[in-house]
Amino acid sequence: WVLESIPQEIIDTHELKVITLDYRRECQQDDIVDSLTTSEFSEETVSKLTGINGSATSSEQEHSESHFLHILRLSENGQEINRGRTQWRKKTSR
């Protein structure tokens, strides 16, 4: 569920560097779950952002790393089953 939610452009241009999973509770075979993923800013990325009046623009077109937060939760009550973080680095040219 973690890797399935990564945008294709990240998979094409980056490779998985770090994955961290935090198991919070069990779920059952019949449970309906929600899989959520959002992009996170790394400290490196935040330091490269510039902008005025709340509109940020990147000072670099390509970032060397991308970070994502992943949550698997029960649809019924929103309880977290699993939380994960992935860190992706730009593929090196060969």
PDB file of N, CA and C in Angstrom:
ATOM      1  N   TRP A   1       0.820  -1.202   0.000  1.00  0.00           N
ATOM      2  CA  TRP A   1       0.000   0.000   0.000  1.00  0.00           C
ATOM      3  C   TRP A   1       0.857   1.256   0.000  1.00  0.00           C
ATOM      4  N   VAL A   2       2.018   1.201   0.574  1.00  0.00           N
ATOM      5  CA  VAL A   2       2.886   2.384   0.623  1.00  0.00           C
ATOM      6  C   VAL A   2       3.412   2.722  -0.769  1.00  0.00           C
ATOM      7  N   LEU A   3       4.018   1.772  -1.420  1.00  0.00           N
ATOM      8  CA  LEU A   3       4.653   2.041  -2.710  1.00  0.00           C
ATOM      9  C   LEU A   3       3.642   2.261  -3.828  1.00  0.00           C
ATOM     10  N   GLU A   4       2.453   1.684  -3.715  1.00  0.00           N
ATOM     11  CA  GLU A   4       1.426   1.856  -4.747  1.00  0.00           C
ATOM     12  C   GLU A   4       0.941   3.294  -4.860  1.00  0.00           C
ATOM     13  N   SER A   5       1.102   4.081  -3.814  1.00  0.00           N
ATOM     14  CA  SER A   5       0.564   5.443  -3.805  1.00  0.00           C
ATOM     15  C   SER A   5       1.578   6.507  -4.229  1.00  0.00           C
ATOM     16  N   ILE A   6       2.792   6.100  -4.529  1.00  0.00           N
ATOM     17  CA  ILE A   6       3.816   7.059  -4.953  1.00  0.00           C
ATOM     18  C   ILE A   6       3.527   7.507  -6.383  1.00  0.00           C
ATOM     19  N   PRO A   7       3.581   8.810  -6.653  1.00  0.00           N
ATOM     20  CA  PRO A   7       3.346   9.292  -8.026  1.00  0.00           C
ATOM     21  C   PRO A   7       4.335   8.670  -9.019  1.00  0.00           C
ATOM     22  N   GLN A   8       3.846   8.366 -10.195  1.00  0.00           N
ATOM     23  CA  GLN A   8       4.662   7.702 -11.211  1.00  0.00           C
ATOM     24  C   GLN A   8       5.911   8.507 -11.559  1.00  0.00           C
ATOM     25  N   GLU A   9       5.815   9.841 -11.591  1.00  0.00           N
ATOM     26  CA  GLU A   9       6.990  10.650 -11.934  1.00  0.00           C
ATOM     27  C   GLU A   9       8.104  10.512 -10.898  1.00  0.00           C
ATOM     28  N   ILE A  10       7.747  10.251  -9.635  1.00  0.00           N
ATOM     29  CA  ILE A  10       8.766  10.003  -8.604  1.00  0.00           C
ATOM     30  C   ILE A  10       9.397   8.631  -8.838  1.00  0.00           C
ATOM     31  N   ILE A  11       8.589   7.634  -9.114  1.00  0.00           N
ATOM     32  CA  ILE A  11       9.110   6.287  -9.368  1.00  0.00           C
ATOM     33  C   ILE A  11      10.041   6.289 -10.573  1.00  0.00           C
ATOM     34  N   ASP A  12       9.705   7.076 -11.591  1.00  0.00           N
ATOM     35  CA  ASP A  12      10.522   7.128 -12.807  1.00  0.00           C
ATOM     36  C   ASP A  12      11.863   7.823 -12.594  1.00  0.00           C
ATOM     37  N   THR A  13      11.913   8.807 -11.704  1.00  0.00           N
ATOM     38  CA  THR A  13      13.111   9.641 -11.574  1.00  0.00           C
ATOM     39  C   THR A  13      13.863   9.465 -10.257  1.00  0.00           C
ATOM     40  N   HIS A  14      13.278   8.740  -9.304  1.00  0.00           N
ATOM     41  CA  HIS A  14      13.890   8.584  -7.983  1.00  0.00           C
ATOM     42  C   HIS A  14      13.976   7.105  -7.610  1.00  0.00           C
ATOM     43  N   GLU A  15      14.776   6.827  -6.574  1.00  0.00           N
ATOM     44  CA  GLU A  15      14.849   5.481  -6.016  1.00  0.00           C
ATOM     45  C   GLU A  15      14.614   5.571  -4.517  1.00  0.00           C
ATOM     46  N   LEU A  16      14.019   4.520  -3.958  1.00  0.00           N
ATOM     47  CA  LEU A  16      13.707   4.485  -2.536  1.00  0.00           C
ATOM     48  C   LEU A  16      14.994   4.471  -1.723  1.00  0.00           C
ATOM     49  N   LYS A  17      15.105   5.418  -0.803  1.00  0.00           N
ATOM     50  CA  LYS A  17      16.298   5.526   0.043  1.00  0.00           C
ATOM     51  C   LYS A  17      16.008   4.987   1.443  1.00  0.00           C
ATOM     52  N   VAL A  18      14.870   5.383   2.031  1.00  0.00           N
ATOM     53  CA  VAL A  18      14.524   4.985   3.394  1.00  0.00           C
ATOM     54  C   VAL A  18      13.020   4.724   3.455  1.00  0.00           C
ATOM     55  N   ILE A  19      12.639   3.664   4.167  1.00  0.00           N
ATOM     56  CA  ILE A  19      11.224   3.421   4.461  1.00  0.00           C
ATOM     57  C   ILE A  19      11.115   3.093   5.942  1.00  0.00           C
ATOM     58  N   THR A  20      10.168   3.740   6.614  1.00  0.00           N
ATOM     59  CA  THR A  20       9.929   3.515   8.032  1.00  0.00           C
ATOM     60  C   THR A  20       8.452   3.190   8.209  1.00  0.00           C
ATOM     61  N   LEU A  21       8.147   2.086   8.890  1.00  0.00           N
ATOM     62  CA  LEU A  21       6.767   1.689   9.137  1.00  0.00           C
ATOM     63  C   LEU A  21       6.516   1.615  10.631  1.00  0.00           C
ATOM     64  N   ASP A  22       5.375   2.130  11.050  1.00  0.00           N
ATOM     65  CA  ASP A  22       4.970   2.117  12.453  1.00  0.00           C
ATOM     66  C   ASP A  22       3.601   1.444  12.527  1.00  0.00           C
ATOM     67  N   TYR A  23       3.579   0.212  13.037  1.00  0.00           N
ATOM     68  CA  TYR A  23       2.334  -0.536  13.152  1.00  0.00           C
ATOM     69  C   TYR A  23       1.619  -0.105  14.424  1.00  0.00           C
ATOM     70  N   ARG A  24       0.356   0.299  14.298  1.00  0.00           N
ATOM     71  CA  ARG A  24      -0.385   0.834  15.439  1.00  0.00           C
ATOM     72  C   ARG A  24      -1.440  -0.129  15.962  1.00  0.00           C
ATOM     73  N   ARG A  25      -2.076  -0.890  15.071  1.00  0.00           N
ATOM     74  CA  ARG A  25      -3.102  -1.848  15.488  1.00  0.00           C
ATOM     75  C   ARG A  25      -3.353  -2.841  14.370  1.00  0.00           C
ATOM     76  N   GLU A  26      -4.061  -3.894  14.708  1.00  0.00           N
ATOM     77  CA  GLU A  26      -4.407  -4.904  13.715  1.00  0.00           C
ATOM     78  C   GLU A  26      -5.678  -4.502  12.980  1.00  0.00           C
ATOM     79  N   CYS A  27      -5.846  -5.071  11.805  1.00  0.00           N
ATOM     80  CA  CYS A  27      -7.133  -4.968  11.122  1.00  0.00           C
ATOM     81  C   CYS A  27      -7.535  -6.372  10.701  1.00  0.00           C
ATOM     82  N   GLN A  28      -8.800  -6.543  10.443  1.00  0.00           N
ATOM     83  CA  GLN A  28      -9.337  -7.854  10.097  1.00  0.00           C
ATOM     84  C   GLN A  28      -9.598  -7.943   8.597  1.00  0.00           C
ATOM     85  N   GLN A  29      -9.771  -9.144   8.116  1.00  0.00           N
ATOM     86  CA  GLN A  29      -9.954  -9.401   6.689  1.00  0.00           C
ATOM     87  C   GLN A  29     -11.127  -8.615   6.105  1.00  0.00           C
ATOM     88  N   ASP A  30     -12.195  -8.448   6.854  1.00  0.00           N
ATOM     89  CA  ASP A  30     -13.391  -7.772   6.345  1.00  0.00           C
ATOM     90  C   ASP A  30     -13.382  -6.265   6.569  1.00  0.00           C
ATOM     91  N   ASP A  31     -12.362  -5.736   7.242  1.00  0.00           N
ATOM     92  CA  ASP A  31     -12.296  -4.291   7.497  1.00  0.00           C
ATOM     93  C   ASP A  31     -12.099  -3.522   6.196  1.00  0.00           C
ATOM     94  N   ILE A  32     -12.773  -2.395   6.093  1.00  0.00           N
ATOM     95  CA  ILE A  32     -12.571  -1.483   4.969  1.00  0.00           C
ATOM     96  C   ILE A  32     -11.602  -0.413   5.451  1.00  0.00           C
ATOM     97  N   VAL A  33     -10.565  -0.169   4.658  1.00  0.00           N
ATOM     98  CA  VAL A  33      -9.520   0.764   5.073  1.00  0.00           C
ATOM     99  C   VAL A  33      -9.339   1.877   4.040  1.00  0.00           C
ATOM    100  N   ASP A  34      -8.809   2.996   4.508  1.00  0.00           N
ATOM    101  CA  ASP A  34      -8.429   4.115   3.650  1.00  0.00           C
ATOM    102  C   ASP A  34      -6.914   4.173   3.610  1.00  0.00           C
ATOM    103  N   SER A  35      -6.363   4.371   2.433  1.00  0.00           N
ATOM    104  CA  SER A  35      -4.926   4.534   2.255  1.00  0.00           C
ATOM    105  C   SER A  35      -4.675   5.974   1.826  1.00  0.00           C
ATOM    106  N   LEU A  36      -3.944   6.724   2.642  1.00  0.00           N
ATOM    107  CA  LEU A  36      -3.689   8.141   2.387  1.00  0.00           C
ATOM    108  C   LEU A  36      -2.195   8.390   2.239  1.00  0.00           C
ATOM    109  N   THR A  37      -1.840   9.242   1.311  1.00  0.00           N
ATOM    110  CA  THR A  37      -0.440   9.608   1.099  1.00  0.00           C
ATOM    111  C   THR A  37      -0.354  11.097   0.838  1.00  0.00           C
ATOM    112  N   THR A  38       0.645  11.734   1.431  1.00  0.00           N
ATOM    113  CA  THR A  38       0.883  13.148   1.169  1.00  0.00           C
ATOM    114  C   THR A  38       2.379  13.399   1.076  1.00  0.00           C
ATOM    115  N   SER A  39       2.728  14.391   0.305  1.00  0.00           N
ATOM    116  CA  SER A  39       4.127  14.784   0.159  1.00  0.00           C
ATOM    117  C   SER A  39       4.542  15.600   1.374  1.00  0.00           C
ATOM    118  N   GLU A  40       5.763  15.414   1.834  1.00  0.00           N
ATOM    119  CA  GLU A  40       6.317  16.195   2.934  1.00  0.00           C
ATOM    120  C   GLU A  40       7.495  16.992   2.419  1.00  0.00           C
ATOM    121  N   PHE A  41       7.733  18.143   3.023  1.00  0.00           N
ATOM    122  CA  PHE A  41       8.923  18.920   2.698  1.00  0.00           C
ATOM    123  C   PHE A  41      10.050  18.488   3.616  1.00  0.00           C
ATOM    124  N   SER A  42      11.220  18.258   3.044  1.00  0.00           N
ATOM    125  CA  SER A  42      12.398  17.989   3.860  1.00  0.00           C
ATOM    126  C   SER A  42      13.003  19.326   4.260  1.00  0.00           C
ATOM    127  N   GLU A  43      13.869  19.320   5.239  1.00  0.00           N
ATOM    128  CA  GLU A  43      14.555  20.549   5.635  1.00  0.00           C
ATOM    129  C   GLU A  43      15.328  21.124   4.459  1.00  0.00           C
ATOM    130  N   GLU A  44      15.924  20.240   3.650  1.00  0.00           N
ATOM    131  CA  GLU A  44      16.687  20.669   2.478  1.00  0.00           C
ATOM    132  C   GLU A  44      15.778  21.402   1.494  1.00  0.00           C
ATOM    133  N   THR A  45      14.582  20.870   1.271  1.00  0.00           N
ATOM    134  CA  THR A  45      13.643  21.476   0.336  1.00  0.00           C
ATOM    135  C   THR A  45      13.126  22.797   0.875  1.00  0.00           C
ATOM    136  N   VAL A  46      12.761  22.840   2.158  1.00  0.00           N
ATOM    137  CA  VAL A  46      12.235  24.061   2.756  1.00  0.00           C
ATOM    138  C   VAL A  46      13.248  25.184   2.659  1.00  0.00           C
ATOM    139  N   SER A  47      14.519  24.887   2.870  1.00  0.00           N
ATOM    140  CA  SER A  47      15.541  25.929   2.824  1.00  0.00           C
ATOM    141  C   SER A  47      15.734  26.484   1.422  1.00  0.00           C
ATOM    142  N   LYS A  48      15.264  25.783   0.387  1.00  0.00           N
ATOM    143  CA  LYS A  48      15.431  26.235  -0.991  1.00  0.00           C
ATOM    144  C   LYS A  48      14.196  26.951  -1.530  1.00  0.00           C
ATOM    145  N   LEU A  49      13.146  27.078  -0.711  1.00  0.00           N
ATOM    146  CA  LEU A  49      11.933  27.738  -1.171  1.00  0.00           C
ATOM    147  C   LEU A  49      12.057  29.244  -1.010  1.00  0.00           C
ATOM    148  N   THR A  50      11.551  29.964  -1.995  1.00  0.00           N
ATOM    149  CA  THR A  50      11.500  31.414  -1.913  1.00  0.00           C
ATOM    150  C   THR A  50      10.123  31.852  -2.357  1.00  0.00           C
ATOM    151  N   GLY A  51       9.692  33.023  -1.937  1.00  0.00           N
ATOM    152  CA  GLY A  51       8.393  33.506  -2.370  1.00  0.00           C
ATOM    153  C   GLY A  51       7.964  34.703  -1.553  1.00  0.00           C
ATOM    154  N   ILE A  52       6.874  35.329  -2.001  1.00  0.00           N
ATOM    155  CA  ILE A  52       6.322  36.462  -1.274  1.00  0.00           C
ATOM    156  C   ILE A  52       4.821  36.274  -1.155  1.00  0.00           C
ATOM    157  N   ASN A  53       4.234  36.895  -0.144  1.00  0.00           N
ATOM    158  CA  ASN A  53       2.784  36.856   0.063  1.00  0.00           C
ATOM    159  C   ASN A  53       2.220  35.442   0.093  1.00  0.00           C
ATOM    160  N   GLY A  54       2.957  34.517   0.685  1.00  0.00           N
ATOM    161  CA  GLY A  54       2.460  33.166   0.870  1.00  0.00           C
ATOM    162  C   GLY A  54       2.523  32.264  -0.340  1.00  0.00           C
ATOM    163  N   SER A  55       3.044  32.753  -1.453  1.00  0.00           N
ATOM    164  CA  SER A  55       3.150  31.885  -2.633  1.00  0.00           C
ATOM    165  C   SER A  55       4.594  31.453  -2.791  1.00  0.00           C
ATOM    166  N   ALA A  56       4.844  30.213  -2.456  1.00  0.00           N
ATOM    167  CA  ALA A  56       6.214  29.697  -2.502  1.00  0.00           C
ATOM    168  C   ALA A  56       6.545  29.216  -3.900  1.00  0.00           C
ATOM    169  N   THR A  57       7.752  29.506  -4.323  1.00  0.00           N
ATOM    170  CA  THR A  57       8.266  28.952  -5.571  1.00  0.00           C
ATOM    171  C   THR A  57       9.622  28.356  -5.272  1.00  0.00           C
ATOM    172  N   SER A  58       9.962  27.327  -5.943  1.00  0.00           N
ATOM    173  CA  SER A  58      11.228  26.653  -5.701  1.00  0.00           C
ATOM    174  C   SER A  58      12.348  27.404  -6.390  1.00  0.00           C
ATOM    175  N   SER A  59      13.477  27.500  -5.710  1.00  0.00           N
ATOM    176  CA  SER A  59      14.636  28.146  -6.321  1.00  0.00           C
ATOM    177  C   SER A  59      15.385  27.175  -7.224  1.00  0.00           C
ATOM    178  N   GLU A  60      15.047  25.890  -7.147  1.00  0.00           N
ATOM    179  CA  GLU A  60      15.644  24.875  -8.022  1.00  0.00           C
ATOM    180  C   GLU A  60      14.517  24.118  -8.701  1.00  0.00           C
ATOM    181  N   GLN A  61      14.669  23.817  -9.970  1.00  0.00           N
ATOM    182  CA  GLN A  61      13.640  23.086 -10.700  1.00  0.00           C
ATOM    183  C   GLN A  61      13.540  21.642 -10.223  1.00  0.00           C
ATOM    184  N   GLU A  62      14.654  21.009  -9.936  1.00  0.00           N
ATOM    185  CA  GLU A  62      14.666  19.600  -9.565  1.00  0.00           C
ATOM    186  C   GLU A  62      15.164  19.462  -8.128  1.00  0.00           C
ATOM    187  N   HIS A  63      14.453  18.705  -7.312  1.00  0.00           N
ATOM    188  CA  HIS A  63      14.901  18.433  -5.948  1.00  0.00           C
ATOM    189  C   HIS A  63      15.545  17.055  -5.923  1.00  0.00           C
ATOM    190  N   SER A  64      16.611  16.936  -5.162  1.00  0.00           N
ATOM    191  CA  SER A  64      17.317  15.663  -5.128  1.00  0.00           C
ATOM    192  C   SER A  64      16.590  14.631  -4.272  1.00  0.00           C
ATOM    193  N   GLU A  65      15.748  15.070  -3.327  1.00  0.00           N
ATOM    194  CA  GLU A  65      15.035  14.131  -2.466  1.00  0.00           C
ATOM    195  C   GLU A  65      13.567  14.501  -2.358  1.00  0.00           C
ATOM    196  N   SER A  66      12.737  13.476  -2.186  1.00  0.00           N
ATOM    197  CA  SER A  66      11.306  13.654  -1.959  1.00  0.00           C
ATOM    198  C   SER A  66      10.912  12.796  -0.766  1.00  0.00           C
ATOM    199  N   HIS A  67       9.997  13.318   0.047  1.00  0.00           N
ATOM    200  CA  HIS A  67       9.548  12.633   1.255  1.00  0.00           C
ATOM    201  C   HIS A  67       8.025  12.501   1.216  1.00  0.00           C
ATOM    202  N   PHE A  68       7.516  11.345   1.668  1.00  0.00           N
ATOM    203  CA  PHE A  68       6.079  11.116   1.684  1.00  0.00           C
ATOM    204  C   PHE A  68       5.659  10.516   3.019  1.00  0.00           C
ATOM    205  N   LEU A  69       4.472  10.905   3.483  1.00  0.00           N
ATOM    206  CA  LEU A  69       3.847  10.345   4.677  1.00  0.00           C
ATOM    207  C   LEU A  69       2.689   9.474   4.207  1.00  0.00           C
ATOM    208  N   HIS A  70       2.592   8.256   4.743  1.00  0.00           N
ATOM    209  CA  HIS A  70       1.571   7.285   4.341  1.00  0.00           C
ATOM    210  C   HIS A  70       0.795   6.852   5.582  1.00  0.00           C
ATOM    211  N   ILE A  71      -0.530   6.820   5.479  1.00  0.00           N
ATOM    212  CA  ILE A  71      -1.373   6.378   6.593  1.00  0.00           C
ATOM    213  C   ILE A  71      -2.392   5.375   6.068  1.00  0.00           C
ATOM    214  N   LEU A  72      -2.538   4.282   6.794  1.00  0.00           N
ATOM    215  CA  LEU A  72      -3.588   3.302   6.538  1.00  0.00           C
ATOM    216  C   LEU A  72      -4.503   3.355   7.754  1.00  0.00           C
ATOM    217  N   ARG A  73      -5.797   3.635   7.532  1.00  0.00           N
ATOM    218  CA  ARG A  73      -6.715   3.779   8.661  1.00  0.00           C
ATOM    219  C   ARG A  73      -8.022   3.049   8.379  1.00  0.00           C
ATOM    220  N   LEU A  74      -8.737   2.729   9.454  1.00  0.00           N
ATOM    221  CA  LEU A  74     -10.045   2.101   9.328  1.00  0.00           C
ATOM    222  C   LEU A  74     -11.042   3.127   8.809  1.00  0.00           C
ATOM    223  N   SER A  75     -11.792   2.775   7.778  1.00  0.00           N
ATOM    224  CA  SER A  75     -12.784   3.699   7.214  1.00  0.00           C
ATOM    225  C   SER A  75     -13.897   3.996   8.213  1.00  0.00           C
ATOM    226  N   GLU A  76     -14.257   3.006   9.006  1.00  0.00           N
ATOM    227  CA  GLU A  76     -15.383   3.121   9.931  1.00  0.00           C
ATOM    228  C   GLU A  76     -15.190   4.217  10.980  1.00  0.00           C
ATOM    229  N   ASN A  77     -13.998   4.280  11.578  1.00  0.00           N
ATOM    230  CA  ASN A  77     -13.799   5.220  12.686  1.00  0.00           C
ATOM    231  C   ASN A  77     -12.516   6.045  12.577  1.00  0.00           C
ATOM    232  N   GLY A  78     -11.748   5.867  11.528  1.00  0.00           N
ATOM    233  CA  GLY A  78     -10.548   6.673  11.325  1.00  0.00           C
ATOM    234  C   GLY A  78      -9.340   6.262  12.150  1.00  0.00           C
ATOM    235  N   GLN A  79      -9.439   5.168  12.902  1.00  0.00           N
ATOM    236  CA  GLN A  79      -8.295   4.729  13.704  1.00  0.00           C
ATOM    237  C   GLN A  79      -7.156   4.299  12.792  1.00  0.00           C
ATOM    238  N   GLU A  80      -5.957   4.754  13.149  1.00  0.00           N
ATOM    239  CA  GLU A  80      -4.779   4.400  12.353  1.00  0.00           C
ATOM    240  C   GLU A  80      -4.393   2.946  12.570  1.00  0.00           C
ATOM    241  N   ILE A  81      -4.115   2.277  11.469  1.00  0.00           N
ATOM    242  CA  ILE A  81      -3.616   0.905  11.502  1.00  0.00           C
ATOM    243  C   ILE A  81      -2.105   0.921  11.338  1.00  0.00           C
ATOM    244  N   ASN A  82      -1.651   1.758  10.447  1.00  0.00           N
ATOM    245  CA  ASN A  82      -0.244   1.796  10.069  1.00  0.00           C
ATOM    246  C   ASN A  82       0.120   3.202   9.637  1.00  0.00           C
ATOM    247  N   ARG A  83       1.333   3.616   9.939  1.00  0.00           N
ATOM    248  CA  ARG A  83       1.851   4.900   9.468  1.00  0.00           C
ATOM    249  C   ARG A  83       3.234   4.634   8.899  1.00  0.00           C
ATOM    250  N   GLY A  84       3.519   5.239   7.773  1.00  0.00           N
ATOM    251  CA  GLY A  84       4.820   5.038   7.153  1.00  0.00           C
ATOM    252  C   GLY A  84       5.381   6.333   6.603  1.00  0.00           C
ATOM    253  N   ARG A  85       6.675   6.347   6.447  1.00  0.00           N
ATOM    254  CA  ARG A  85       7.361   7.466   5.794  1.00  0.00           C
ATOM    255  C   ARG A  85       8.323   6.877   4.780  1.00  0.00           C
ATOM    256  N   THR A  86       8.384   7.515   3.616  1.00  0.00           N
ATOM    257  CA  THR A  86       9.362   7.103   2.614  1.00  0.00           C
ATOM    258  C   THR A  86      10.181   8.307   2.194  1.00  0.00           C
ATOM    259  N   GLN A  87      11.432   8.036   1.911  1.00  0.00           N
ATOM    260  CA  GLN A  87      12.360   9.064   1.440  1.00  0.00           C
ATOM    261  C   GLN A  87      12.958   8.552   0.136  1.00  0.00           C
ATOM    262  N   TRP A  88      12.883   9.381  -0.887  1.00  0.00           N
ATOM    263  CA  TRP A  88      13.332   9.015  -2.233  1.00  0.00           C
ATOM    264  C   TRP A  88      14.443   9.942  -2.669  1.00  0.00           C
ATOM    265  N   ARG A  89      15.496   9.392  -3.278  1.00  0.00           N
ATOM    266  CA  ARG A  89      16.586  10.223  -3.800  1.00  0.00           C
ATOM    267  C   ARG A  89      16.588  10.140  -5.319  1.00  0.00           C
ATOM    268  N   LYS A  90      17.023  11.209  -5.933  1.00  0.00           N
ATOM    269  CA  LYS A  90      17.078  11.279  -7.389  1.00  0.00           C
ATOM    270  C   LYS A  90      18.014  10.193  -7.900  1.00  0.00           C
ATOM    271  N   LYS A  91      17.599   9.491  -8.949  1.00  0.00           N
ATOM    272  CA  LYS A  91      18.445   8.451  -9.541  1.00  0.00           C
ATOM    273  C   LYS A  91      19.686   9.093 -10.139  1.00  0.00           C
ATOM    274  N   THR A  92      20.804   8.414  -9.950  1.00  0.00           N
ATOM    275  CA  THR A  92      22.049   8.912 -10.533  1.00  0.00           C
ATOM    276  C   THR A  92      22.113   8.503 -11.992  1.00  0.00           C
ATOM    277  N   SER A  93      22.652   9.380 -12.809  1.00  0.00           N
ATOM    278  CA  SER A  93      22.798   9.040 -14.228  1.00  0.00           C
ATOM    279  C   SER A  93      23.963   8.084 -14.392  1.00  0.00           C
ATOM    280  N   ARG A  94      23.800   7.126 -15.268  1.00  0.00           N
ATOM    281  CA  ARG A  94      24.826   6.089 -15.432  1.00  0.00           C
ATOM    282  C   ARG A  94      25.521   6.232 -16.728  1.00  0.00           C
TER     283      ARG A  94
END
